[in-house]
Protein backbone atom coordinates (compact mmCIF):
# COMPACT_ATOMS: atom_id res chain seq x y z
CA MET A 1 -20.93 -0.43 -54.63
CA CYS A 2 -23.78 0.51 -56.92
CA GLY A 3 -27.45 -0.14 -57.57
CA LEU A 4 -29.23 -2.50 -55.22
CA GLY A 5 -26.23 -2.88 -52.92
CA GLN A 6 -26.05 0.85 -52.34
CA ARG A 7 -29.80 1.08 -51.69
CA TYR A 8 -29.60 -1.88 -49.27
CA LEU A 9 -26.78 -0.19 -47.36
CA GLN A 10 -28.91 2.94 -46.93
CA TYR A 11 -31.57 0.94 -45.07
CA THR A 12 -29.21 -1.16 -42.99
CA MET A 13 -27.60 1.96 -41.53
CA THR A 14 -30.77 2.76 -39.57
CA LYS A 15 -32.12 0.19 -37.15
CA LEU A 16 -35.34 -1.25 -38.50
CA ASP A 17 -37.23 -0.53 -35.29
CA ARG A 18 -36.59 3.18 -35.87
CA TRP A 19 -37.96 3.27 -39.42
CA THR A 20 -40.85 5.62 -40.05
CA VAL A 21 -43.73 4.78 -42.39
CA ASP A 22 -41.88 6.84 -45.01
CA ASP A 23 -38.76 4.71 -44.53
CA VAL A 24 -40.82 1.57 -45.07
CA ALA A 25 -42.30 3.04 -48.26
CA SER A 26 -38.83 4.02 -49.51
CA TRP A 27 -37.51 0.55 -48.74
CA LEU A 28 -40.37 -1.03 -50.69
CA GLU A 29 -39.46 1.20 -53.65
CA SER A 30 -35.81 0.22 -53.35
CA ILE A 31 -36.63 -3.48 -53.67
CA ASP A 32 -39.02 -2.90 -56.58
CA MET A 33 -42.08 -3.44 -54.41
CA GLY A 34 -43.34 0.14 -54.55
CA HIS A 35 -46.66 -1.10 -55.89
CA LYS A 36 -47.31 -2.48 -52.37
CA ALA A 37 -46.68 0.88 -50.65
CA ASP A 38 -50.39 1.71 -50.27
CA ALA A 39 -50.94 -1.47 -48.26
CA PHE A 40 -48.04 -0.49 -45.96
CA LYS A 41 -48.97 3.19 -45.55
CA LYS A 42 -49.49 2.83 -41.78
CA VAL A 43 -46.66 0.35 -41.13
CA ASP A 44 -43.49 1.56 -39.43
CA GLY A 45 -40.35 -0.40 -38.65
CA LYS A 46 -41.54 -1.74 -35.30
CA GLN A 47 -44.73 -3.04 -36.88
CA LEU A 48 -42.80 -4.53 -39.79
CA LEU A 49 -40.55 -6.42 -37.38
CA ALA A 50 -43.53 -7.71 -35.43
CA ALA A 51 -45.54 -8.73 -38.50
CA SER A 52 -46.37 -12.41 -38.76
CA SER A 53 -46.47 -14.33 -42.00
CA ASP A 54 -50.26 -13.97 -41.96
CA ASP A 55 -49.94 -10.20 -41.46
CA LEU A 56 -47.62 -9.93 -44.45
CA LYS A 57 -49.94 -12.04 -46.59
CA ALA A 58 -52.82 -9.72 -45.62
CA LEU A 59 -50.70 -6.79 -46.83
CA GLY A 60 -50.19 -8.49 -50.17
CA LEU A 61 -46.80 -10.12 -49.74
CA THR A 62 -47.55 -13.66 -50.82
CA ASN A 63 -43.92 -14.62 -51.41
CA LEU A 64 -42.60 -14.85 -47.87
CA ILE A 65 -39.00 -14.52 -48.98
CA TYR A 66 -39.49 -10.85 -48.06
CA LYS A 67 -39.79 -11.71 -44.37
């Protein structure tokens, strides 16, 4: 496994509800969304899981495929 698959595996090995804000930022980088990291600087895994479509839009994710 290489590239995106390997990066995806890294994030699936830790339950999302245990991600820190740094984990969220690293995940954004891994999916080529690092330019959105500033908007997510206070979002951890629990908050990411609980985010509604409107919350994600407010953070700059207009393509809801990311949810």
